[in-house]
Each structure stands twice: as C-alpha cells, then as structure tokens.
Amino acid sequence: MHPRDRFDYWHSIACKEIIEHDSVPVSRVHFEAEIEVGSVGTLDLVAFQNSPLRVEHGQVHTSRTSSEQLFLCRATNGSMIVEQDGRQITLHGGDMTLLDPALPYSANFSPGSKTLVLKLPRRELQARLGKTRGMVARLIQSSSAEDSLTSSFNAALPALAGEMRPVCGRLVANFMLDLIALSLAKAIEGTTPRISSSKAMAILQIRAAVKARLADPGLDVQYIADAVGLSVRYANHILASQDTSIGRLILTERLERCRQAFEDPVQSRRSVSEIAFGWGFSDLTHFGRCFKKAYGMAPRDYQLSYRKI
C-alpha cells in the first residue's frame, strides 16, 4: 500500500479482526503492520505486529462489543503497556495478560512489537474460574513451570491453526483453557476474587480427575472426591459456584466426548453404542435420553447429520 494509506487501511482491518478501537501511530508516514488470523477449536487467534502506536478501546466501543469473549494477550516481541480496570502492567516477550473487551482499556505498543491475541469463550473460562473481573490486567510471566508451559503452548497455537481435525482442535482448545485458568488462578494470589485461587485449583483438579477416568464405566463421585482429597459434599459445594456437581460434570464431559466422536469423520464407521460404551455409558436408553436433552437430537440422528456433510 502507498505509505499515506497504510495506517488507515490497517486500522480498518484491526477493528474488524481484533476489536473496534481508536488508535494513534507515532508516525503515519513510516507506519508498517502485518496481521494473521486463524482458529483452533473454540479459540480464535489474531497474530499481529505493528509500528509504535497507542490504542484506546473506550466506552463508545464497549457499547457495541459482544460480551461473549475474553482476550488473552501474549507479547511475542517488544513490549506493550496495558491498562484496564485501574491496573497498569507492562508485557515483555513471553508475558501474558487477560483483557475484557466489555470494559474500556488502553495499550501502548513499542517499536518492533509483536502480539498474539487468543479470543477465549467467556463462559468456558468462567466455568473453570468463576467471575473474571478481578483477573483482568494481571501480569503473567514465564517465571514458573506452569506459566512457562502456558506461554509456550500459547505461542505454538498459530502453527496448528487450520491443520487439525475439529475434534482434535477442540481438545487442544480445552487444554489451553485449562492452562490459562491455572495461570490466572496463580496471578490473583493475594486478591479477593469471587472464587478464591485455592478453590479454582481444586475445581481444575476435579475436572482433571474426571477427564482422566472418563471412559471407565465404574467412575463415580466418591472416586473423584477421593482422587482430589476432598469430601463429596465439599467438592459439590465449590462446583456449585459453576452450577454443576461431580455427577453432572461426569455426565456433561461424557456427552461432549460422544458428540465430538459423532462429528469426527475418522470415527464415522463406529456405531452409537460403541461410542457410548467407549466413553463410560452403560445404559443406552439413559444415554440417548441425556444426549437428546443436551443437543436436541437423538444420537443416531446427530451422527447421521454429520455423515451427510
């Protein structure tokens, strides 16, 4: 593009692919930028680099912004200063933070900055952590093994975009959300969020224990409670903050795995009963009733609808 048109064109694309905002470059004449978009499972990815500029996402923008997503921002190169909800942090290479596009924020990008934004399903992250208002603009560095894994796995996602089967993409996205939840739970130590970090960790442990034995038809609520060192009553108490329980969590996860199998073309020759029994169900009538209630179709009809695609 001609130098005089570069910034305006960039701004129009960035408003469309990232979020609506106002921005002011340090230099219009020398402005340069690149942007790439993709997705992995339920995660939308936006990778971009740009010349120095300041971004403002204000009240006028939030009024027109969907509240269905949260943003995890990772500084790939250079630095960026972010301010939201009364907190200001500086991100350097590998650092991450959570932003809520339903709230105003500002950002300043340094020369040579490169950024990766993951657009996260708000409900899925809040299912892991509870309310996230107190978690925005918290600095997540790669100083611990857990946060280093989150940052590294985050950085690897662009290479996977468009290269994975849908069922694998969803599994990768779920794992990424689990890692993000772990890092956020650590980042808010010393604050008073709606759900304490200790409870958030316990919930993640419960979910991990459920996923590890999901295919076992003998899996029950007592086993999960014992696996994480909690009583059934207390485990269900902390899960109630997310409107679920151990039993409902086991059922929901099993139904979701069956749904993913029905959609997977590689598993198209497997019967409904084979898939259901493979994910721990022991009663096909019960499975069929629960599946239809969750997804609006009988399992066989759901499977056939994807075989025709």
Protein backbone atom coordinates (compact mmCIF):
# COMPACT_ATOMS: atom_id res chain seq x y z
CA MET A 1 0.00 0.00 0.00
CA HIS A 2 1.07 3.59 -0.52
CA PRO A 3 2.59 4.96 2.72
CA ARG A 4 -0.16 7.58 3.06
CA ASP A 5 -2.85 4.85 3.09
CA ARG A 6 -1.15 2.23 5.27
CA PHE A 7 -2.33 3.29 8.70
CA ASP A 8 -5.96 3.92 7.74
CA TYR A 9 -6.14 0.56 5.99
CA TRP A 10 -4.50 -1.18 8.96
CA HIS A 11 -6.88 0.48 11.39
CA SER A 12 -9.93 -0.69 9.43
CA ILE A 13 -8.64 -4.29 9.36
CA ALA A 14 -7.62 -4.26 13.02
CA CYS A 15 -11.08 -3.01 14.04
CA LYS A 16 -12.63 -5.88 12.11
CA GLU A 17 -10.30 -8.72 13.10
CA ILE A 18 -9.27 -7.72 16.64
CA ILE A 19 -11.75 -5.26 18.13
CA GLU A 20 -13.24 -1.85 17.44
CA HIS A 21 -10.98 0.89 18.81
CA ASP A 22 -9.28 4.24 18.22
CA SER A 23 -5.54 4.34 17.63
CA VAL A 24 -2.83 6.93 17.04
CA PRO A 25 0.51 5.93 15.44
CA VAL A 26 3.79 7.58 16.34
CA SER A 27 4.31 8.12 12.59
CA ARG A 28 1.77 7.73 9.81
CA VAL A 29 4.41 8.15 7.11
CA HIS A 30 6.59 5.29 8.36
CA PHE A 31 3.79 3.06 9.67
CA GLU A 32 4.03 -0.67 8.88
CA ALA A 33 1.97 -3.61 10.14
CA GLU A 34 1.01 -7.23 9.46
CA ILE A 35 -1.87 -9.33 10.72
CA GLU A 36 -2.76 -13.04 10.55
CA VAL A 37 -5.94 -14.71 11.78
CA GLY A 38 -6.95 -18.32 12.36
CA SER A 39 -8.63 -20.63 14.85
CA VAL A 40 -8.01 -23.78 16.87
CA GLY A 41 -11.17 -25.38 18.19
CA THR A 42 -13.18 -22.77 20.08
CA LEU A 43 -10.25 -20.31 20.15
CA ASP A 44 -9.89 -17.52 17.60
CA LEU A 45 -6.31 -16.37 17.06
CA VAL A 46 -5.01 -13.00 15.88
CA ALA A 47 -1.25 -12.50 15.47
CA PHE A 48 -0.06 -9.04 14.54
CA GLN A 49 2.94 -6.75 14.51
CA ASN A 50 2.89 -3.02 14.06
CA SER A 51 4.88 0.17 14.31
CA PRO A 52 4.57 2.07 17.62
CA LEU A 53 1.05 3.28 18.37
CA ARG A 54 -1.46 3.88 21.16
CA VAL A 55 -4.80 2.08 21.23
CA GLU A 56 -7.94 3.15 23.08
CA HIS A 57 -10.95 0.86 23.48
CA GLY A 58 -13.41 3.19 25.19
CA GLN A 59 -17.00 3.34 26.38
CA VAL A 60 -18.29 4.11 22.90
CA HIS A 61 -16.67 0.87 21.68
CA THR A 62 -17.72 -1.34 24.59
CA SER A 63 -21.36 -0.45 23.97
CA ARG A 64 -21.05 -2.11 20.56
CA THR A 65 -18.87 -5.04 21.66
CA SER A 66 -20.07 -8.60 22.16
CA SER A 67 -19.62 -9.87 25.71
CA GLU A 68 -19.12 -13.48 24.65
CA GLN A 69 -15.31 -13.41 24.55
CA LEU A 70 -12.30 -12.56 26.69
CA PHE A 71 -8.84 -11.80 25.29
CA LEU A 72 -5.59 -13.41 26.37
CA CYS A 73 -2.79 -11.19 25.06
CA ARG A 74 0.78 -12.50 24.75
CA ALA A 75 3.71 -10.26 23.90
CA THR A 76 5.74 -12.20 21.34
CA ASN A 77 8.35 -9.49 20.81
CA GLY A 78 8.97 -5.96 22.01
CA SER A 79 6.75 -4.63 24.78
CA MET A 80 3.29 -3.26 25.39
CA ILE A 81 1.81 -1.26 28.27
CA VAL A 82 -1.78 -2.21 29.06
CA GLU A 83 -4.25 -0.52 31.37
CA GLN A 84 -7.68 -1.82 32.38
CA ASP A 85 -9.93 -1.63 35.44
CA GLY A 86 -7.50 0.61 37.34
CA ARG A 87 -4.44 -1.59 36.79
CA GLN A 88 -1.47 -0.89 34.50
CA ILE A 89 1.12 -3.52 33.54
CA THR A 90 3.99 -3.84 31.06
CA LEU A 91 4.33 -7.01 28.99
CA HIS A 92 7.64 -8.14 27.54
CA GLY A 93 8.35 -11.14 25.32
CA GLY A 94 6.51 -14.22 26.62
CA ASP A 95 4.39 -12.32 29.15
CA MET A 96 0.59 -12.62 29.07
CA THR A 97 -2.46 -10.89 30.45
CA LEU A 98 -6.24 -11.20 30.31
CA LEU A 99 -8.34 -8.34 28.91
CA ASP A 100 -12.11 -7.99 28.92
CA PRO A 101 -13.38 -6.30 25.72
CA ALA A 102 -16.62 -5.46 27.54
CA LEU A 103 -14.59 -2.99 29.63
CA PRO A 104 -12.56 0.02 28.45
CA TYR A 105 -8.80 -0.44 28.13
CA SER A 106 -5.76 1.22 26.57
CA ALA A 107 -2.47 -0.12 25.20
CA ASN A 108 0.82 1.34 24.02
CA PHE A 109 2.92 -0.73 21.61
CA SER A 110 6.70 -0.33 21.43
CA PRO A 111 8.82 -0.38 18.24
CA GLY A 112 9.12 -3.92 16.88
CA SER A 113 6.22 -5.23 18.96
CA LYS A 114 4.56 -8.50 18.00
CA THR A 115 1.43 -9.70 19.78
CA LEU A 116 -0.74 -12.82 19.82
CA VAL A 117 -4.34 -12.48 20.97
CA LEU A 118 -6.44 -15.53 21.85
CA LYS A 119 -10.15 -14.84 21.87
CA LEU A 120 -11.49 -17.10 24.60
CA PRO A 121 -15.12 -18.18 25.07
CA ARG A 122 -16.08 -16.26 28.22
CA ARG A 123 -18.44 -18.93 29.51
CA GLU A 124 -15.85 -21.70 29.13
CA LEU A 125 -13.18 -19.79 31.04
CA GLN A 126 -15.64 -18.70 33.73
CA ALA A 127 -16.77 -22.33 34.05
CA ARG A 128 -13.22 -23.01 35.23
CA LEU A 129 -12.66 -19.94 37.38
CA GLY A 130 -15.90 -18.16 38.18
CA LYS A 131 -16.19 -14.42 37.55
CA THR A 132 -13.12 -12.94 35.85
CA ARG A 133 -13.49 -9.20 36.52
CA GLY A 134 -10.74 -9.23 39.14
CA MET A 135 -8.39 -11.15 36.85
CA VAL A 136 -8.00 -8.61 34.02
CA ALA A 137 -4.72 -6.73 33.56
CA ARG A 138 -2.80 -9.13 35.79
CA LEU A 139 0.77 -9.81 34.68
CA ILE A 140 1.50 -13.47 33.90
CA GLN A 141 5.21 -14.07 33.40
CA SER A 142 7.05 -17.26 32.47
CA SER A 143 8.87 -17.45 35.78
CA SER A 144 7.26 -20.70 36.96
CA ALA A 145 6.98 -24.07 35.23
CA GLU A 146 3.20 -23.77 34.97
CA ASP A 147 3.21 -20.27 33.46
CA SER A 148 6.09 -21.17 31.14
CA LEU A 149 4.01 -24.08 29.82
CA THR A 150 1.01 -21.79 29.33
CA SER A 151 3.10 -19.24 27.42
CA SER A 152 4.89 -21.85 25.29
CA PHE A 153 1.70 -23.71 24.41
CA ASN A 154 0.07 -20.38 23.58
CA ALA A 155 2.93 -19.50 21.23
CA ALA A 156 2.58 -22.86 19.44
CA LEU A 157 -1.11 -22.41 18.56
CA PRO A 158 -0.70 -20.33 15.34
CA ALA A 159 1.21 -23.21 13.73
CA LEU A 160 -1.74 -25.52 14.46
CA ALA A 161 -4.44 -23.23 13.01
CA GLY A 162 -6.11 -24.88 10.04
CA GLU A 163 -4.03 -28.04 10.41
CA MET A 164 -6.15 -30.06 12.83
CA ARG A 165 -9.35 -32.06 12.62
CA PRO A 166 -12.22 -30.38 14.51
CA VAL A 167 -12.28 -32.97 17.29
CA CYS A 168 -8.52 -32.54 17.90
CA GLY A 169 -8.84 -28.78 17.74
CA ARG A 170 -11.45 -28.81 20.50
CA LEU A 171 -9.24 -31.00 22.70
CA VAL A 172 -6.29 -28.63 22.20
CA ALA A 173 -8.51 -25.62 22.94
CA ASN A 174 -9.79 -27.22 26.15
CA PHE A 175 -6.23 -27.94 27.27
CA MET A 176 -5.23 -24.33 26.52
CA LEU A 177 -8.17 -23.04 28.56
CA ASP A 178 -7.15 -25.29 31.47
CA LEU A 179 -3.59 -23.92 31.36
CA ILE A 180 -4.84 -20.33 31.19
CA ALA A 181 -7.11 -20.95 34.16
CA LEU A 182 -4.18 -22.33 36.17
CA SER A 183 -2.03 -19.29 35.38
CA LEU A 184 -4.81 -16.84 36.19
CA ALA A 185 -5.52 -18.61 39.47
CA LYS A 186 -1.86 -18.10 40.43
CA ALA A 187 -1.79 -14.48 39.23
CA ILE A 188 -4.57 -13.40 41.57
CA GLU A 189 -2.96 -14.67 44.78
CA GLY A 190 -3.38 -12.00 47.44
CA THR A 191 -6.55 -10.53 45.91
CA THR A 192 -10.17 -11.32 46.72
CA PRO A 193 -11.83 -12.58 43.55
CA ARG A 194 -15.31 -14.07 43.53
CA ILE A 195 -13.75 -17.53 43.65
CA SER A 196 -10.51 -18.00 45.58
CA SER A 197 -7.46 -19.32 43.78
CA SER A 198 -7.41 -22.35 46.11
CA LYS A 199 -10.96 -23.20 45.08
CA ALA A 200 -10.10 -22.56 41.44
CA MET A 201 -7.22 -25.01 41.74
CA ALA A 202 -9.50 -27.56 43.40
CA ILE A 203 -12.04 -27.22 40.58
CA LEU A 204 -9.31 -27.75 37.97
CA GLN A 205 -8.12 -30.83 39.88
CA ILE A 206 -11.66 -32.21 39.96
CA ARG A 207 -12.05 -31.62 36.21
CA ALA A 208 -8.68 -33.25 35.52
CA ALA A 209 -9.60 -36.29 37.63
CA VAL A 210 -12.89 -36.63 35.76
CA LYS A 211 -11.20 -36.44 32.36
CA ALA A 212 -8.54 -38.96 33.35
CA ARG A 213 -11.10 -41.70 34.10
CA LEU A 214 -13.95 -40.64 31.84
CA ALA A 215 -14.02 -43.88 29.85
CA ASP A 216 -14.30 -46.02 32.98
CA PRO A 217 -17.95 -47.11 33.43
CA GLY A 218 -17.24 -47.62 37.14
CA LEU A 219 -16.29 -43.98 37.68
CA ASP A 220 -18.37 -42.43 40.46
CA VAL A 221 -18.48 -39.26 42.54
CA GLN A 222 -16.72 -40.85 45.53
CA TYR A 223 -13.73 -41.85 43.39
CA ILE A 224 -13.32 -38.28 42.10
CA ALA A 225 -13.63 -36.78 45.58
CA ASP A 226 -11.04 -39.24 46.92
CA ALA A 227 -8.71 -38.53 43.99
CA VAL A 228 -8.50 -34.82 44.86
CA GLY A 229 -8.59 -35.31 48.64
CA LEU A 230 -11.97 -33.70 49.25
CA SER A 231 -15.28 -34.88 50.61
CA VAL A 232 -18.08 -35.31 48.09
CA ARG A 233 -20.07 -32.65 49.91
CA TYR A 234 -17.30 -30.04 49.77
CA ALA A 235 -16.40 -30.85 46.15
CA ASN A 236 -20.03 -30.36 45.14
CA HIS A 237 -20.15 -27.16 47.20
CA ILE A 238 -17.32 -25.49 45.28
CA LEU A 239 -18.63 -26.82 41.96
CA ALA A 240 -21.99 -25.21 42.76
CA SER A 241 -20.36 -21.83 42.01
CA GLN A 242 -20.29 -23.03 38.40
CA ASP A 243 -23.80 -24.52 38.53
CA THR A 244 -22.62 -28.10 38.41
CA SER A 245 -21.65 -31.07 40.59
CA ILE A 246 -19.33 -34.06 40.24
CA GLY A 247 -22.12 -36.22 38.85
CA ARG A 248 -23.29 -33.61 36.35
CA LEU A 249 -19.68 -32.89 35.36
CA ILE A 250 -19.05 -36.57 34.57
CA LEU A 251 -22.24 -36.74 32.52
CA THR A 252 -21.55 -33.48 30.65
CA GLU A 253 -17.97 -34.47 29.78
CA ARG A 254 -19.05 -37.90 28.55
CA LEU A 255 -21.81 -36.45 26.39
CA GLU A 256 -19.39 -33.91 24.92
CA ARG A 257 -16.85 -36.61 24.02
CA CYS A 258 -19.59 -38.64 22.35
CA ARG A 259 -20.75 -35.57 20.41
CA GLN A 260 -17.20 -34.95 19.22
CA ALA A 261 -16.91 -38.59 18.11
CA PHE A 262 -20.16 -38.35 16.13
CA GLU A 263 -18.80 -35.29 14.30
CA ASP A 264 -15.39 -36.84 13.59
CA PRO A 265 -15.25 -38.31 10.04
CA VAL A 266 -12.47 -40.67 11.10
CA GLN A 267 -14.93 -42.31 13.53
CA SER A 268 -17.87 -42.38 11.13
CA ARG A 269 -17.93 -46.20 10.98
CA ARG A 270 -18.27 -46.58 14.75
CA SER A 271 -21.78 -47.34 15.98
CA VAL A 272 -23.64 -45.22 18.51
CA SER A 273 -23.40 -47.97 21.10
CA GLU A 274 -19.66 -48.44 20.54
CA ILE A 275 -19.02 -44.74 21.09
CA ALA A 276 -21.34 -44.50 24.09
CA PHE A 277 -19.87 -47.57 25.81
CA GLY A 278 -16.37 -46.34 24.93
CA TRP A 279 -16.97 -43.17 26.94
CA GLY A 280 -18.28 -44.90 30.04
CA PHE A 281 -22.04 -45.15 29.47
CA SER A 282 -23.55 -48.48 30.43
CA ASP A 283 -27.23 -47.83 29.60
CA LEU A 284 -28.05 -46.83 26.00
CA THR A 285 -31.57 -45.71 26.88
CA HIS A 286 -30.22 -43.37 29.54
CA PHE A 287 -27.51 -42.16 27.14
CA GLY A 288 -30.00 -41.47 24.36
CA ARG A 289 -32.31 -39.53 26.65
CA CYS A 290 -29.48 -37.40 28.08
CA PHE A 291 -27.92 -36.76 24.68
CA LYS A 292 -31.19 -35.57 23.16
CA LYS A 293 -31.83 -33.29 26.11
CA ALA A 294 -28.34 -31.75 25.73
CA TYR A 295 -28.16 -31.43 21.94
CA GLY A 296 -31.74 -31.56 20.71
CA MET A 297 -31.33 -34.71 18.60
CA ALA A 298 -31.17 -38.45 19.17
CA PRO A 299 -27.58 -39.77 19.00
CA ARG A 300 -28.17 -41.71 15.78
CA ASP A 301 -29.77 -38.73 14.05
CA TYR A 302 -26.94 -36.48 15.20
CA GLN A 303 -24.33 -38.89 13.85
CA LEU A 304 -26.13 -39.26 10.51
CA SER A 305 -26.36 -35.49 10.10
CA TYR A 306 -22.57 -35.29 10.09
CA ARG A 307 -22.11 -38.26 7.78
CA LYS A 308 -24.07 -36.33 5.13
CA ILE A 309 -21.80 -33.29 5.30
